[in-house]
N, C-alpha and C. Protein backbone atom coordinates (compact mmCIF):
# COMPACT_ATOMS: atom_id res chain seq x y z
N MET A 1 0.84 -1.17 0.00
CA MET A 1 0.00 0.00 0.00
C MET A 1 0.89 1.24 0.00
N TRP A 2 0.54 2.25 -0.76
CA TRP A 2 1.30 3.50 -0.80
C TRP A 2 0.34 4.65 -0.96
N GLN A 3 0.85 5.85 -0.67
CA GLN A 3 0.01 7.04 -0.73
C GLN A 3 0.60 8.02 -1.71
N TYR A 4 -0.27 8.65 -2.49
CA TYR A 4 0.12 9.71 -3.42
C TYR A 4 -0.87 10.83 -3.21
N GLY A 5 -0.44 11.92 -2.57
CA GLY A 5 -1.36 13.00 -2.22
C GLY A 5 -2.41 12.47 -1.28
N ASP A 6 -3.70 12.63 -1.61
CA ASP A 6 -4.79 12.12 -0.77
C ASP A 6 -5.16 10.68 -1.14
N GLN A 7 -4.57 10.17 -2.21
CA GLN A 7 -4.96 8.87 -2.72
C GLN A 7 -4.18 7.74 -2.04
N ILE A 8 -4.89 6.71 -1.63
CA ILE A 8 -4.27 5.50 -1.10
C ILE A 8 -4.48 4.42 -2.16
N SER A 9 -3.43 3.66 -2.44
CA SER A 9 -3.54 2.64 -3.47
C SER A 9 -2.89 1.35 -2.99
N ASN A 10 -3.41 0.23 -3.46
CA ASN A 10 -2.77 -1.05 -3.18
C ASN A 10 -2.08 -1.59 -4.43
N ARG A 11 -2.01 -0.76 -5.47
CA ARG A 11 -1.29 -1.17 -6.67
C ARG A 11 0.17 -1.37 -6.31
N GLN A 12 0.80 -2.39 -6.83
CA GLN A 12 2.15 -2.72 -6.41
C GLN A 12 3.19 -2.34 -7.45
N PHE A 13 4.31 -1.83 -6.96
CA PHE A 13 5.46 -1.59 -7.80
C PHE A 13 6.19 -2.92 -7.97
N ARG A 14 6.82 -3.10 -9.09
CA ARG A 14 7.69 -4.25 -9.30
C ARG A 14 9.11 -3.74 -9.32
N GLY A 15 9.95 -4.27 -8.47
CA GLY A 15 11.32 -3.80 -8.38
C GLY A 15 11.41 -2.66 -7.38
N SER A 16 12.50 -1.95 -7.45
CA SER A 16 12.69 -0.84 -6.53
C SER A 16 13.37 0.30 -7.26
N PHE A 17 13.22 1.50 -6.70
CA PHE A 17 13.79 2.69 -7.29
C PHE A 17 14.69 3.35 -6.26
N VAL A 18 15.88 3.70 -6.68
CA VAL A 18 16.80 4.42 -5.80
C VAL A 18 17.44 5.53 -6.62
N GLN A 19 17.84 6.57 -5.94
CA GLN A 19 18.54 7.66 -6.61
C GLN A 19 20.01 7.59 -6.21
N LEU A 20 20.86 7.46 -7.21
CA LEU A 20 22.29 7.35 -6.97
C LEU A 20 23.04 8.40 -7.77
N SER A 21 24.17 8.82 -7.24
CA SER A 21 25.03 9.73 -7.98
C SER A 21 25.80 8.93 -9.02
N TYR A 22 26.40 9.63 -9.95
CA TYR A 22 27.23 9.00 -10.98
C TYR A 22 28.31 8.14 -10.32
N GLU A 23 28.97 8.70 -9.31
CA GLU A 23 30.05 8.00 -8.62
C GLU A 23 29.54 6.73 -7.94
N GLN A 24 28.36 6.79 -7.32
CA GLN A 24 27.80 5.62 -6.66
C GLN A 24 27.46 4.53 -7.67
N ILE A 25 26.96 4.93 -8.83
CA ILE A 25 26.64 3.94 -9.87
C ILE A 25 27.90 3.23 -10.32
N VAL A 26 28.94 3.99 -10.62
CA VAL A 26 30.20 3.40 -11.09
C VAL A 26 30.78 2.47 -10.02
N LYS A 27 30.75 2.90 -8.78
CA LYS A 27 31.31 2.12 -7.67
C LYS A 27 30.55 0.80 -7.48
N ASN A 28 29.24 0.80 -7.71
CA ASN A 28 28.40 -0.37 -7.45
C ASN A 28 27.89 -1.04 -8.71
N VAL A 29 28.58 -0.85 -9.82
CA VAL A 29 28.09 -1.36 -11.11
C VAL A 29 27.89 -2.87 -11.09
N SER A 30 28.66 -3.60 -10.31
CA SER A 30 28.52 -5.07 -10.28
C SER A 30 27.19 -5.51 -9.67
N GLN A 31 26.50 -4.62 -8.96
CA GLN A 31 25.22 -4.96 -8.34
C GLN A 31 24.03 -4.63 -9.25
N ILE A 32 24.30 -4.06 -10.43
CA ILE A 32 23.23 -3.66 -11.35
C ILE A 32 22.96 -4.81 -12.31
N SER A 33 21.69 -5.22 -12.42
CA SER A 33 21.36 -6.33 -13.30
C SER A 33 20.70 -5.88 -14.60
N GLN A 34 20.12 -4.67 -14.61
CA GLN A 34 19.42 -4.17 -15.79
C GLN A 34 19.24 -2.67 -15.65
N VAL A 35 19.24 -1.97 -16.78
CA VAL A 35 19.06 -0.53 -16.78
C VAL A 35 17.93 -0.17 -17.75
N VAL A 36 16.99 0.63 -17.27
CA VAL A 36 15.93 1.19 -18.11
C VAL A 36 16.04 2.70 -17.97
N TYR A 37 16.16 3.41 -19.09
CA TYR A 37 16.37 4.86 -19.01
C TYR A 37 15.65 5.58 -20.13
N SER A 38 15.45 6.85 -19.89
CA SER A 38 14.95 7.74 -20.94
C SER A 38 15.72 9.03 -20.83
N SER A 39 15.82 9.72 -21.93
CA SER A 39 16.53 10.99 -21.93
C SER A 39 16.11 11.79 -23.15
N VAL A 40 15.75 13.05 -22.91
CA VAL A 40 15.43 13.93 -24.02
C VAL A 40 16.71 14.25 -24.79
N ALA A 41 17.78 14.45 -24.06
CA ALA A 41 19.11 14.67 -24.65
C ALA A 41 20.05 13.63 -24.02
N LYS A 42 21.17 13.36 -24.65
CA LYS A 42 22.12 12.42 -24.08
C LYS A 42 23.32 13.18 -23.54
N PRO A 43 23.29 13.52 -22.24
CA PRO A 43 24.43 14.22 -21.67
C PRO A 43 25.65 13.30 -21.63
N PRO A 44 26.84 13.87 -21.54
CA PRO A 44 28.07 13.05 -21.53
C PRO A 44 28.08 12.00 -20.42
N GLU A 45 27.49 12.33 -19.26
CA GLU A 45 27.48 11.36 -18.16
C GLU A 45 26.67 10.12 -18.52
N LEU A 46 25.56 10.32 -19.21
CA LEU A 46 24.75 9.18 -19.62
C LEU A 46 25.52 8.33 -20.62
N GLN A 47 26.15 8.96 -21.59
CA GLN A 47 26.92 8.21 -22.58
C GLN A 47 28.03 7.41 -21.90
N SER A 48 28.69 8.02 -20.93
CA SER A 48 29.75 7.34 -20.19
C SER A 48 29.20 6.13 -19.43
N LEU A 49 28.06 6.31 -18.76
CA LEU A 49 27.45 5.20 -18.03
C LEU A 49 27.04 4.07 -18.97
N LEU A 50 26.47 4.41 -20.12
CA LEU A 50 26.06 3.38 -21.06
C LEU A 50 27.26 2.57 -21.54
N GLU A 51 28.40 3.22 -21.72
CA GLU A 51 29.63 2.50 -22.09
C GLU A 51 30.07 1.56 -20.98
N ILE A 52 29.96 2.01 -19.74
CA ILE A 52 30.32 1.17 -18.59
C ILE A 52 29.38 -0.03 -18.51
N PHE A 53 28.08 0.19 -18.68
CA PHE A 53 27.11 -0.90 -18.62
C PHE A 53 27.38 -1.91 -19.73
N THR A 54 27.69 -1.44 -20.92
CA THR A 54 27.99 -2.33 -22.04
C THR A 54 29.23 -3.17 -21.71
N LYS A 55 30.25 -2.53 -21.16
CA LYS A 55 31.49 -3.23 -20.79
C LYS A 55 31.22 -4.35 -19.79
N HIS A 56 30.23 -4.15 -18.91
CA HIS A 56 29.89 -5.14 -17.90
C HIS A 56 28.72 -6.04 -18.33
N SER A 57 28.35 -5.99 -19.60
CA SER A 57 27.27 -6.82 -20.17
C SER A 57 25.94 -6.65 -19.43
N ILE A 58 25.65 -5.42 -19.03
CA ILE A 58 24.39 -5.13 -18.36
C ILE A 58 23.39 -4.69 -19.43
N PRO A 59 22.26 -5.40 -19.54
CA PRO A 59 21.27 -5.01 -20.55
C PRO A 59 20.69 -3.63 -20.27
N CYS A 60 20.56 -2.84 -21.33
CA CYS A 60 20.03 -1.48 -21.22
C CYS A 60 18.84 -1.33 -22.17
N LYS A 61 17.77 -0.77 -21.65
CA LYS A 61 16.56 -0.53 -22.46
C LYS A 61 16.28 0.96 -22.47
N THR A 62 16.17 1.53 -23.65
CA THR A 62 15.81 2.93 -23.81
C THR A 62 14.30 3.04 -23.94
N VAL A 63 13.69 3.88 -23.14
CA VAL A 63 12.26 4.14 -23.24
C VAL A 63 12.07 5.33 -24.17
N THR A 64 11.21 5.17 -25.17
CA THR A 64 10.94 6.24 -26.12
C THR A 64 9.44 6.43 -26.26
N THR A 65 9.05 7.54 -26.84
CA THR A 65 7.64 7.77 -27.14
C THR A 65 7.23 6.84 -28.27
N GLU A 66 6.08 6.20 -28.11
CA GLU A 66 5.59 5.26 -29.11
C GLU A 66 4.16 5.62 -29.49
N PRO A 67 3.67 5.13 -30.62
CA PRO A 67 2.28 5.43 -31.00
C PRO A 67 1.28 4.94 -29.96
N THR A 68 1.59 3.78 -29.34
CA THR A 68 0.74 3.20 -28.31
C THR A 68 1.63 2.52 -27.28
N SER A 69 1.40 2.81 -25.99
CA SER A 69 2.11 2.14 -24.89
C SER A 69 1.14 1.95 -23.75
N PHE A 70 1.18 0.77 -23.14
CA PHE A 70 0.34 0.47 -21.99
C PHE A 70 -1.14 0.77 -22.27
N GLY A 71 -1.54 0.56 -23.52
CA GLY A 71 -2.93 0.81 -23.90
C GLY A 71 -3.26 2.27 -24.14
N ILE A 72 -2.28 3.15 -24.04
CA ILE A 72 -2.50 4.59 -24.25
C ILE A 72 -2.13 4.93 -25.68
N VAL A 73 -3.03 5.63 -26.37
CA VAL A 73 -2.80 6.04 -27.75
C VAL A 73 -2.30 7.48 -27.75
N CYS A 74 -1.14 7.69 -28.37
CA CYS A 74 -0.58 9.05 -28.46
C CYS A 74 -1.42 9.87 -29.42
N GLY A 75 -1.74 11.09 -29.01
CA GLY A 75 -2.60 11.96 -29.82
C GLY A 75 -1.89 12.70 -30.92
N TYR A 76 -0.59 12.54 -31.02
CA TYR A 76 0.16 13.25 -32.06
C TYR A 76 0.38 12.33 -33.26
N PRO A 77 -0.07 12.73 -34.46
CA PRO A 77 0.20 11.89 -35.64
C PRO A 77 1.70 11.60 -35.80
N LYS A 78 2.52 12.60 -35.53
CA LYS A 78 3.97 12.40 -35.51
C LYS A 78 4.37 12.23 -34.04
N TYR A 79 4.12 11.02 -33.53
CA TYR A 79 4.31 10.74 -32.11
C TYR A 79 5.72 11.06 -31.62
N GLN A 80 6.70 11.02 -32.53
CA GLN A 80 8.08 11.32 -32.16
C GLN A 80 8.24 12.77 -31.69
N ASN A 81 7.27 13.64 -32.02
CA ASN A 81 7.33 15.04 -31.60
C ASN A 81 6.95 15.24 -30.13
N LEU A 82 6.39 14.21 -29.50
CA LEU A 82 6.06 14.30 -28.08
C LEU A 82 7.27 13.82 -27.29
N GLY A 83 7.83 14.68 -26.45
CA GLY A 83 9.01 14.32 -25.67
C GLY A 83 8.74 13.14 -24.74
N VAL A 84 9.74 12.32 -24.57
CA VAL A 84 9.59 11.13 -23.73
C VAL A 84 9.26 11.50 -22.29
N ASP A 85 9.71 12.66 -21.83
CA ASP A 85 9.38 13.08 -20.47
C ASP A 85 7.87 13.28 -20.32
N ARG A 86 7.25 13.90 -21.31
CA ARG A 86 5.80 14.08 -21.29
C ARG A 86 5.08 12.74 -21.42
N TRP A 87 5.57 11.88 -22.30
CA TRP A 87 4.95 10.57 -22.52
C TRP A 87 4.97 9.75 -21.23
N LEU A 88 6.10 9.76 -20.52
CA LEU A 88 6.20 9.01 -19.26
C LEU A 88 5.30 9.62 -18.19
N ALA A 89 5.16 10.94 -18.17
CA ALA A 89 4.24 11.58 -17.22
C ALA A 89 2.79 11.13 -17.49
N ILE A 90 2.42 11.02 -18.75
CA ILE A 90 1.08 10.57 -19.13
C ILE A 90 0.87 9.12 -18.70
N ILE A 91 1.86 8.27 -18.98
CA ILE A 91 1.76 6.85 -18.60
C ILE A 91 1.67 6.73 -17.08
N GLY A 92 2.50 7.48 -16.38
CA GLY A 92 2.48 7.43 -14.91
C GLY A 92 1.17 7.92 -14.33
N ALA A 93 0.64 9.00 -14.89
CA ALA A 93 -0.65 9.52 -14.40
C ALA A 93 -1.76 8.50 -14.62
N ASN A 94 -1.76 7.86 -15.76
CA ASN A 94 -2.77 6.83 -16.03
C ASN A 94 -2.62 5.65 -15.08
N TRP A 95 -1.39 5.32 -14.74
CA TRP A 95 -1.16 4.22 -13.80
C TRP A 95 -1.72 4.59 -12.43
N LEU A 96 -1.56 5.86 -12.03
CA LEU A 96 -2.07 6.30 -10.72
C LEU A 96 -3.59 6.41 -10.70
N ALA A 97 -4.19 6.79 -11.83
CA ALA A 97 -5.63 7.01 -11.87
C ALA A 97 -6.20 6.41 -13.16
N PRO A 98 -6.24 5.09 -13.25
CA PRO A 98 -6.77 4.46 -14.47
C PRO A 98 -8.26 4.74 -14.62
N ASP A 99 -8.70 4.73 -15.88
CA ASP A 99 -10.12 4.90 -16.20
C ASP A 99 -10.69 6.24 -15.75
N GLU A 100 -9.86 7.26 -15.72
CA GLU A 100 -10.29 8.62 -15.37
C GLU A 100 -9.89 9.57 -16.49
N ASP A 101 -10.67 10.62 -16.71
CA ASP A 101 -10.23 11.71 -17.58
C ASP A 101 -9.18 12.47 -16.78
N LEU A 102 -8.03 12.75 -17.41
CA LEU A 102 -6.92 13.37 -16.68
C LEU A 102 -6.38 14.60 -17.37
N ILE A 103 -5.99 15.57 -16.58
CA ILE A 103 -5.15 16.68 -17.03
C ILE A 103 -3.82 16.43 -16.34
N VAL A 104 -2.79 16.18 -17.14
CA VAL A 104 -1.47 15.84 -16.61
C VAL A 104 -0.58 17.06 -16.68
N VAL A 105 -0.14 17.55 -15.54
CA VAL A 105 0.74 18.71 -15.47
C VAL A 105 2.10 18.23 -14.99
N ASP A 106 3.14 18.55 -15.75
CA ASP A 106 4.51 18.19 -15.39
C ASP A 106 5.32 19.48 -15.35
N ALA A 107 5.84 19.80 -14.19
CA ALA A 107 6.60 21.05 -14.03
C ALA A 107 8.07 20.73 -13.85
N GLY A 108 8.86 21.16 -14.80
CA GLY A 108 10.30 21.00 -14.75
C GLY A 108 10.93 22.27 -15.29
N THR A 109 11.86 22.13 -16.22
CA THR A 109 12.43 23.30 -16.87
C THR A 109 11.34 24.10 -17.55
N ALA A 110 10.40 23.38 -18.13
CA ALA A 110 9.17 23.99 -18.66
C ALA A 110 8.00 23.29 -18.00
N MET A 111 6.83 23.87 -18.09
CA MET A 111 5.63 23.21 -17.58
C MET A 111 4.86 22.68 -18.78
N THR A 112 4.42 21.43 -18.68
CA THR A 112 3.62 20.85 -19.75
C THR A 112 2.26 20.46 -19.20
N VAL A 113 1.27 20.54 -20.07
CA VAL A 113 -0.09 20.16 -19.73
C VAL A 113 -0.58 19.25 -20.86
N ASP A 114 -1.05 18.06 -20.49
CA ASP A 114 -1.57 17.12 -21.48
C ASP A 114 -2.92 16.60 -21.03
N ILE A 115 -3.76 16.25 -21.99
CA ILE A 115 -5.11 15.73 -21.74
C ILE A 115 -5.13 14.25 -22.10
N LEU A 116 -5.63 13.44 -21.17
CA LEU A 116 -5.80 12.00 -21.41
C LEU A 116 -7.22 11.62 -21.04
N THR A 117 -7.94 10.99 -21.95
CA THR A 117 -9.32 10.61 -21.68
C THR A 117 -9.36 9.29 -20.89
N TYR A 118 -10.53 9.04 -20.29
CA TYR A 118 -10.72 7.82 -19.49
C TYR A 118 -10.42 6.55 -20.28
N ASP A 119 -10.64 6.60 -21.61
CA ASP A 119 -10.40 5.43 -22.45
C ASP A 119 -8.99 5.42 -23.04
N ARG A 120 -8.08 6.18 -22.41
CA ARG A 120 -6.64 6.17 -22.70
C ARG A 120 -6.27 6.74 -24.07
N VAL A 121 -6.96 7.79 -24.46
CA VAL A 121 -6.61 8.48 -25.70
C VAL A 121 -6.00 9.83 -25.32
N HIS A 122 -4.76 10.04 -25.71
CA HIS A 122 -4.08 11.31 -25.48
C HIS A 122 -4.62 12.31 -26.50
N LYS A 123 -5.11 13.43 -26.02
CA LYS A 123 -5.72 14.43 -26.90
C LYS A 123 -4.77 15.57 -27.25
N GLY A 124 -3.52 15.49 -26.79
CA GLY A 124 -2.57 16.55 -27.07
C GLY A 124 -2.32 17.37 -25.83
N GLY A 125 -1.56 18.45 -26.03
CA GLY A 125 -1.24 19.28 -24.87
C GLY A 125 -0.42 20.49 -25.27
N TRP A 126 0.16 21.12 -24.26
CA TRP A 126 0.89 22.36 -24.45
C TRP A 126 2.17 22.36 -23.64
N ILE A 127 3.14 23.12 -24.12
CA ILE A 127 4.35 23.41 -23.36
C ILE A 127 4.31 24.87 -22.99
N ILE A 128 4.51 25.15 -21.71
CA ILE A 128 4.51 26.53 -21.22
C ILE A 128 5.92 26.81 -20.70
N LEU A 129 6.61 27.69 -21.39
CA LEU A 129 7.98 28.00 -20.95
C LEU A 129 7.93 28.88 -19.73
N THR A 130 8.79 28.59 -18.77
CA THR A 130 8.82 29.37 -17.53
C THR A 130 9.99 30.33 -17.51
């Protein structure tokens, strides 16, 4: 059981999530069995880590925006134009509140707003530069 805002859920995570520095990752690379990552840009640190993971035969999976993922249909005909950060926010919001009409707001370097219908159709959205 976990809590997100006022919501209590019994939906279960598979695996675990930890936040590590670059140095901690390199130091503990032998304990890593698999890597799943996304990146709008590939900073030098990411490229360096991917080389280390390859050297240690650690499987790496890149998450990208797709026309359909987890039953969600991307509302952009050119789905590649939707940043993976926004796509993951939409997928995560749907996971937290399935079968609901959603307005997904993601605030980072820019703020994004996306609309997702209860039947998992992404209707598009906006980027608001801050």
